Amino acid sequence: MQGMIALILCMALFCSAAISVENDGSGWKMRHGGQKYEETGTGGQVQTPLYAGILAEFRTNEIEILVDNHEILTEAAERAAEEAAHPEQGVYTFLQGPKSWEEGRAWSGEWSNQYVRGNYFGNFGCGLCCMANIYSSLTPYQCSPVDMYRYAKKHTGYGGGMAIDWGYIRRGLTSLGLHCHVERKQETYHEFRENIRKSKCAIVLVSSANSTVHWKNTPGHYVTIFEFQEKTDKVFLADSGDPDHNRRWIHLKKVYRSLKTASNWQYLVVSSYDKQKDHWHHKKADGTWNRPSYLKAKS
């Protein structure tokens, strides 16, 4: 992203340099670094260094094209800077419940009312939403929670119709080229923080039995956290079960306090993605769902 911004700004600067060129009919005149370079004409001797000579090759119409596009380049640079300042805009945060779908909330989908193996997806799909969030956010590809449900059933041994277990989550993400491992809650917040700091994102299992600082009436629930901020210790929360929690910045310490210690494992960290080890390359988030306007389409 920083490289893209630099390229756009360089182009904008290049336009400005081109605009400053003067043509009085007898030759090109330009300034660079406070010095004036001239080409006296086709019959005279060229006095310009190479980089000035390159600019001198531009015809008037070519310069006009650059002038016309100067505003577009500036706007593109501003958009790129905005994206760099708000990386969470590209984070997928699917919702699982029927209420969100009925209310027409962004990120909700018709999968919430799908009845599979004796249960509604909205009752058990939090872990699958987390997996879909990660695959769609960290790779060039994308999928919906129902896509991930089908994939997990086919490739991990997951039976469906119930909450997906840690082993199937890890197996599924690994087969998608995502390097990950499960962890138990560390004795100190500092140790937990360090693990999250070094990761791309994490799936965490929270419970109000451990703390009600953020989640209430929650026996056990998978959520995803992204974009750890070292200055504030905040993370970007993807909570499929609560649209009012979803896409909010919260302090990581709230997550640490809420980790469900009754489970064998409390969280899973994702450290990298290897496209060569991705056996799926799924290109479309299938199903009917409310895609937010700010989410850019993937090529």
Protein backbone atom coordinates (compact mmCIF):
# COMPACT_ATOMS: atom_id res chain seq x y z
CA MET A 1 0.00 0.00 0.00
CA GLN A 2 2.82 2.44 0.86
CA GLY A 3 4.49 1.61 -2.47
CA MET A 4 1.27 2.37 -4.32
CA ILE A 5 0.90 5.71 -2.57
CA ALA A 6 4.51 6.58 -3.41
CA LEU A 7 3.96 5.71 -7.08
CA ILE A 8 0.83 7.87 -7.31
CA LEU A 9 2.52 10.80 -5.58
CA CYS A 10 5.52 10.49 -7.90
CA MET A 11 3.18 10.61 -10.90
CA ALA A 12 1.49 13.70 -9.48
CA LEU A 13 4.90 15.33 -8.95
CA PHE A 14 5.88 14.34 -12.46
CA CYS A 15 2.79 16.10 -13.79
CA SER A 16 3.75 19.22 -11.89
CA ALA A 17 7.24 19.10 -13.37
CA ALA A 18 5.82 18.68 -16.86
CA ILE A 19 3.49 21.64 -16.35
CA SER A 20 6.47 23.90 -15.56
CA VAL A 21 8.08 23.30 -18.96
CA GLU A 22 7.99 26.30 -21.27
CA ASN A 23 8.06 26.22 -25.08
CA ASP A 24 8.72 29.61 -26.71
CA GLY A 25 8.83 28.16 -30.22
CA SER A 26 12.61 28.04 -30.47
CA GLY A 27 13.29 25.43 -27.84
CA TRP A 28 12.34 23.89 -24.52
CA LYS A 29 13.07 25.60 -21.21
CA MET A 30 12.70 24.00 -17.83
CA ARG A 31 13.90 24.32 -14.28
CA HIS A 32 15.14 21.57 -12.04
CA GLY A 33 16.64 22.06 -8.58
CA GLY A 34 16.77 25.83 -9.09
CA GLN A 35 18.87 25.54 -12.29
CA LYS A 36 17.75 26.45 -15.79
CA TYR A 37 18.42 24.16 -18.74
CA GLU A 38 17.82 25.09 -22.36
CA GLU A 39 17.77 23.48 -25.78
CA THR A 40 18.40 26.27 -28.30
CA GLY A 41 16.82 24.48 -31.24
CA THR A 42 17.44 21.72 -33.74
CA GLY A 43 20.42 23.54 -35.14
CA GLY A 44 21.98 24.34 -31.80
CA GLN A 45 23.88 22.18 -29.39
CA VAL A 46 21.87 20.43 -26.69
CA GLN A 47 22.86 21.71 -23.26
CA THR A 48 20.48 19.56 -21.19
CA PRO A 49 21.38 16.60 -19.00
CA LEU A 50 19.69 13.25 -19.71
CA TYR A 51 16.76 13.60 -17.31
CA ALA A 52 15.96 17.06 -18.61
CA GLY A 53 16.24 15.73 -22.15
CA ILE A 54 13.64 13.07 -21.39
CA LEU A 55 11.13 15.75 -20.39
CA ALA A 56 12.01 17.70 -23.52
CA GLU A 57 10.71 14.82 -25.64
CA PHE A 58 7.14 15.50 -24.56
CA ARG A 59 4.96 17.16 -27.18
CA THR A 60 2.44 19.81 -26.19
CA ASN A 61 -0.53 17.46 -26.41
CA GLU A 62 1.19 14.91 -24.18
CA ILE A 63 1.77 17.55 -21.53
CA GLU A 64 -1.86 18.58 -21.78
CA ILE A 65 -2.91 14.98 -21.10
CA LEU A 66 -0.85 14.99 -17.93
CA VAL A 67 -2.30 18.34 -16.91
CA ASP A 68 -5.83 17.04 -17.47
CA ASN A 69 -5.13 13.99 -15.31
CA HIS A 70 -3.35 15.82 -12.53
CA GLU A 71 -6.55 16.09 -10.47
CA ILE A 72 -7.34 12.39 -11.00
CA LEU A 73 -3.88 11.39 -9.83
CA THR A 74 -4.20 13.59 -6.76
CA GLU A 75 -7.57 12.07 -5.88
CA ALA A 76 -6.15 8.57 -6.36
CA ALA A 77 -3.32 9.40 -3.97
CA GLU A 78 -5.82 10.66 -1.40
CA ARG A 79 -7.90 7.49 -1.72
CA ALA A 80 -4.82 5.32 -1.29
CA ALA A 81 -3.82 7.29 1.80
CA GLU A 82 -7.35 6.85 3.20
CA GLU A 83 -7.16 3.08 2.67
CA ALA A 84 -3.79 2.97 4.40
CA ALA A 85 -5.22 4.90 7.34
CA HIS A 86 -8.26 2.57 7.57
CA PRO A 87 -7.06 -0.96 6.74
CA GLU A 88 -10.12 -2.44 8.47
CA GLN A 89 -12.28 -1.48 5.48
CA GLY A 90 -11.00 -4.57 3.70
CA VAL A 91 -11.73 -6.90 6.62
CA TYR A 92 -14.67 -9.27 6.13
CA THR A 93 -17.05 -9.52 9.11
CA PHE A 94 -19.96 -11.83 8.31
CA LEU A 95 -23.03 -12.02 10.55
CA GLN A 96 -24.76 -15.32 11.31
CA GLY A 97 -28.16 -14.54 12.86
CA PRO A 98 -31.66 -14.27 11.35
CA LYS A 99 -32.43 -10.98 13.13
CA SER A 100 -29.58 -9.23 11.32
CA TRP A 101 -30.84 -10.63 8.02
CA GLU A 102 -34.41 -9.50 8.71
CA GLU A 103 -33.16 -6.01 9.55
CA GLY A 104 -31.15 -5.85 6.34
CA ARG A 105 -27.85 -5.36 8.13
CA ALA A 106 -24.63 -5.21 6.12
CA TRP A 107 -22.74 -8.52 6.25
CA SER A 108 -25.86 -10.56 7.01
CA GLY A 109 -27.03 -13.32 4.69
CA GLU A 110 -29.81 -15.75 3.95
CA TRP A 111 -27.63 -18.53 5.37
CA SER A 112 -28.89 -17.54 8.83
CA ASN A 113 -32.20 -19.33 8.14
CA GLN A 114 -30.72 -22.38 6.44
CA TYR A 115 -31.74 -25.60 8.18
CA VAL A 116 -28.95 -28.18 8.06
CA ARG A 117 -28.76 -31.51 9.86
CA GLY A 118 -31.45 -30.62 12.37
CA ASN A 119 -30.30 -27.12 13.21
CA TYR A 120 -30.38 -23.57 11.84
CA PHE A 121 -27.07 -22.12 10.72
CA GLY A 122 -27.74 -19.04 12.83
CA ASN A 123 -27.55 -21.19 15.96
CA PHE A 124 -24.09 -22.64 15.40
CA GLY A 125 -22.29 -20.82 12.56
CA CYS A 126 -19.96 -18.48 14.48
CA GLY A 127 -16.83 -20.57 13.90
CA LEU A 128 -17.57 -20.92 10.19
CA CYS A 129 -18.12 -17.15 9.93
CA CYS A 130 -14.70 -16.67 11.52
CA MET A 131 -13.08 -18.99 8.99
CA ALA A 132 -14.82 -17.21 6.10
CA ASN A 133 -13.72 -13.84 7.51
CA ILE A 134 -10.09 -14.92 7.61
CA TYR A 135 -10.00 -16.56 4.18
CA SER A 136 -11.71 -13.58 2.53
CA SER A 137 -9.63 -10.96 4.37
CA LEU A 138 -6.13 -12.43 4.10
CA THR A 139 -6.17 -14.02 0.64
CA PRO A 140 -6.87 -12.82 -2.92
CA TYR A 141 -10.02 -14.96 -2.79
CA GLN A 142 -13.31 -14.88 -0.93
CA CYS A 143 -16.11 -17.10 0.31
CA SER A 144 -19.31 -16.84 2.32
CA PRO A 145 -19.97 -18.69 5.59
CA VAL A 146 -22.11 -21.22 3.74
CA ASP A 147 -19.26 -21.82 1.28
CA MET A 148 -16.98 -22.47 4.23
CA TYR A 149 -19.57 -24.81 5.77
CA ARG A 150 -19.57 -26.96 2.64
CA TYR A 151 -15.78 -26.89 2.39
CA ALA A 152 -15.27 -27.89 6.03
CA LYS A 153 -17.74 -30.75 5.70
CA LYS A 154 -16.00 -32.08 2.61
CA HIS A 155 -12.35 -31.64 3.62
CA THR A 156 -11.97 -31.70 7.41
CA GLY A 157 -14.22 -34.40 8.81
CA TYR A 158 -16.59 -31.86 10.34
CA GLY A 159 -20.08 -33.38 10.49
CA GLY A 160 -22.16 -30.21 10.21
CA GLY A 161 -25.24 -29.04 12.06
CA MET A 162 -23.28 -28.01 15.16
CA ALA A 163 -20.47 -25.72 16.29
CA ILE A 164 -17.21 -26.56 14.57
CA ASP A 165 -14.39 -27.71 16.85
CA TRP A 166 -10.84 -26.32 17.06
CA GLY A 167 -9.33 -29.32 15.28
CA TYR A 168 -11.55 -28.90 12.23
CA ILE A 169 -10.96 -25.14 12.19
CA ARG A 170 -7.19 -25.59 12.20
CA ARG A 171 -7.31 -28.39 9.62
CA GLY A 172 -9.55 -26.37 7.33
CA LEU A 173 -7.50 -23.17 7.47
CA THR A 174 -4.24 -25.07 7.00
CA SER A 175 -5.59 -26.71 3.83
CA LEU A 176 -6.39 -23.20 2.57
CA GLY A 177 -2.75 -22.12 2.82
CA LEU A 178 -3.14 -20.30 6.13
CA HIS A 179 -0.38 -21.05 8.63
CA CYS A 180 -2.04 -21.28 12.04
CA HIS A 181 -1.96 -22.99 15.42
CA VAL A 182 -4.10 -23.16 18.55
CA GLU A 183 -3.11 -21.74 21.92
CA ARG A 184 -4.18 -21.90 25.55
CA LYS A 185 -4.66 -18.75 27.58
CA GLN A 186 -1.33 -17.51 28.88
CA GLU A 187 -0.89 -16.68 32.54
CA THR A 188 -0.17 -13.03 31.78
CA TYR A 189 -1.79 -10.53 29.48
CA HIS A 190 1.66 -9.53 28.20
CA GLU A 191 2.29 -13.03 26.81
CA PHE A 192 -1.12 -13.12 25.14
CA ARG A 193 -0.60 -9.63 23.71
CA GLU A 194 2.73 -10.65 22.20
CA ASN A 195 1.15 -13.61 20.42
CA ILE A 196 -1.59 -11.41 18.97
CA ARG A 197 0.90 -8.69 18.02
CA LYS A 198 2.90 -11.13 15.90
CA SER A 199 -0.15 -12.60 14.14
CA LYS A 200 -2.20 -11.51 11.14
CA CYS A 201 -5.42 -12.24 13.01
CA ALA A 202 -6.90 -14.68 15.50
CA ILE A 203 -10.03 -16.64 16.26
CA VAL A 204 -10.82 -16.44 19.97
CA LEU A 205 -13.38 -18.37 22.03
CA VAL A 206 -15.04 -16.10 24.57
CA SER A 207 -17.49 -16.75 27.40
CA SER A 208 -19.37 -14.58 29.87
CA ALA A 209 -18.63 -17.29 32.45
CA ASN A 210 -15.08 -15.91 32.52
CA SER A 211 -15.93 -12.23 32.24
CA THR A 212 -18.88 -9.99 31.40
CA VAL A 213 -16.66 -7.03 30.54
CA HIS A 214 -17.79 -7.20 26.90
CA TRP A 215 -19.94 -10.31 26.28
CA LYS A 216 -23.12 -11.01 28.26
CA ASN A 217 -25.15 -14.24 28.35
CA THR A 218 -22.57 -15.98 26.17
CA PRO A 219 -21.71 -19.56 27.20
CA GLY A 220 -19.26 -19.90 24.34
CA HIS A 221 -18.75 -17.96 21.12
CA TYR A 222 -16.07 -17.74 18.42
CA VAL A 223 -15.10 -14.25 17.23
CA THR A 224 -12.30 -12.98 15.00
CA ILE A 225 -9.88 -10.17 15.84
CA PHE A 226 -7.78 -8.25 13.29
CA GLU A 227 -5.42 -5.29 12.98
CA PHE A 228 -3.83 -5.13 16.44
CA GLN A 229 -2.82 -1.53 17.23
CA GLU A 230 0.35 -1.36 19.32
CA LYS A 231 -0.21 2.22 20.49
CA THR A 232 -3.70 1.59 21.88
CA ASP A 233 -3.76 -2.21 22.39
CA LYS A 234 -7.00 -2.30 20.44
CA VAL A 235 -8.15 -4.89 17.90
CA PHE A 236 -10.80 -4.78 15.20
CA LEU A 237 -13.58 -7.17 16.23
CA ALA A 238 -15.60 -9.37 13.88
CA ASP A 239 -18.50 -10.68 15.99
CA SER A 240 -20.97 -12.67 13.90
CA GLY A 241 -23.42 -13.06 16.77
CA ASP A 242 -23.93 -9.39 17.68
CA PRO A 243 -24.24 -6.71 14.98
CA ASP A 244 -23.71 -4.00 17.61
CA HIS A 245 -20.36 -5.55 18.51
CA ASN A 246 -19.40 -6.27 14.93
CA ARG A 247 -16.78 -4.03 13.30
CA ARG A 248 -15.86 -2.27 16.53
CA TRP A 249 -12.42 -1.48 17.96
CA ILE A 250 -12.07 -2.95 21.46
CA HIS A 251 -9.22 -3.22 23.92
CA LEU A 252 -7.37 -6.53 23.67
CA LYS A 253 -7.44 -6.91 27.44
CA LYS A 254 -11.23 -7.37 27.27
CA VAL A 255 -10.66 -10.32 24.97
CA TYR A 256 -8.01 -11.78 27.25
CA ARG A 257 -10.28 -11.59 30.28
CA SER A 258 -13.16 -13.23 28.35
CA LEU A 259 -11.29 -16.26 26.98
CA LYS A 260 -13.26 -19.43 27.72
CA THR A 261 -10.98 -21.43 30.00
CA ALA A 262 -13.41 -24.37 30.18
CA SER A 263 -12.40 -25.22 26.60
CA ASN A 264 -9.28 -27.26 25.82
CA TRP A 265 -8.05 -24.37 23.66
CA GLN A 266 -8.83 -20.68 23.88
CA TYR A 267 -7.64 -19.17 20.62
CA LEU A 268 -6.03 -19.76 17.23
CA VAL A 269 -3.51 -17.40 15.63
CA VAL A 270 -2.88 -17.02 11.90
CA SER A 271 0.63 -15.92 10.99
CA SER A 272 0.79 -16.09 7.18
CA TYR A 273 -0.80 -17.22 3.92
CA ASP A 274 0.81 -19.36 1.19
CA LYS A 275 -1.10 -19.29 -2.10
CA GLN A 276 0.71 -22.41 -3.31
CA LYS A 277 -0.75 -24.40 -0.42
CA ASP A 278 -4.29 -23.12 -0.92
CA HIS A 279 -6.24 -26.04 -2.36
CA TRP A 280 -9.44 -24.05 -2.94
CA HIS A 281 -8.87 -20.66 -4.61
CA HIS A 282 -12.56 -19.85 -4.17
CA LYS A 283 -13.37 -16.68 -6.11
CA LYS A 284 -16.91 -15.73 -5.07
CA ALA A 285 -18.80 -15.30 -1.81
CA ASP A 286 -21.87 -17.31 -2.80
CA GLY A 287 -25.41 -16.93 -1.52
CA THR A 288 -27.65 -13.91 -1.07
CA TRP A 289 -26.18 -11.44 1.40
CA ASN A 290 -25.93 -7.74 2.12
CA ARG A 291 -22.56 -6.69 0.79
CA PRO A 292 -21.50 -3.28 2.20
CA SER A 293 -20.89 -0.50 -0.33
CA TYR A 294 -17.38 0.24 0.98
CA LEU A 295 -16.16 -3.30 0.32
CA LYS A 296 -14.25 -3.38 -2.94
CA ALA A 297 -14.73 -6.26 -5.36
CA LYS A 298 -11.79 -8.62 -5.75
CA SER A 299 -10.36 -9.10 -9.20
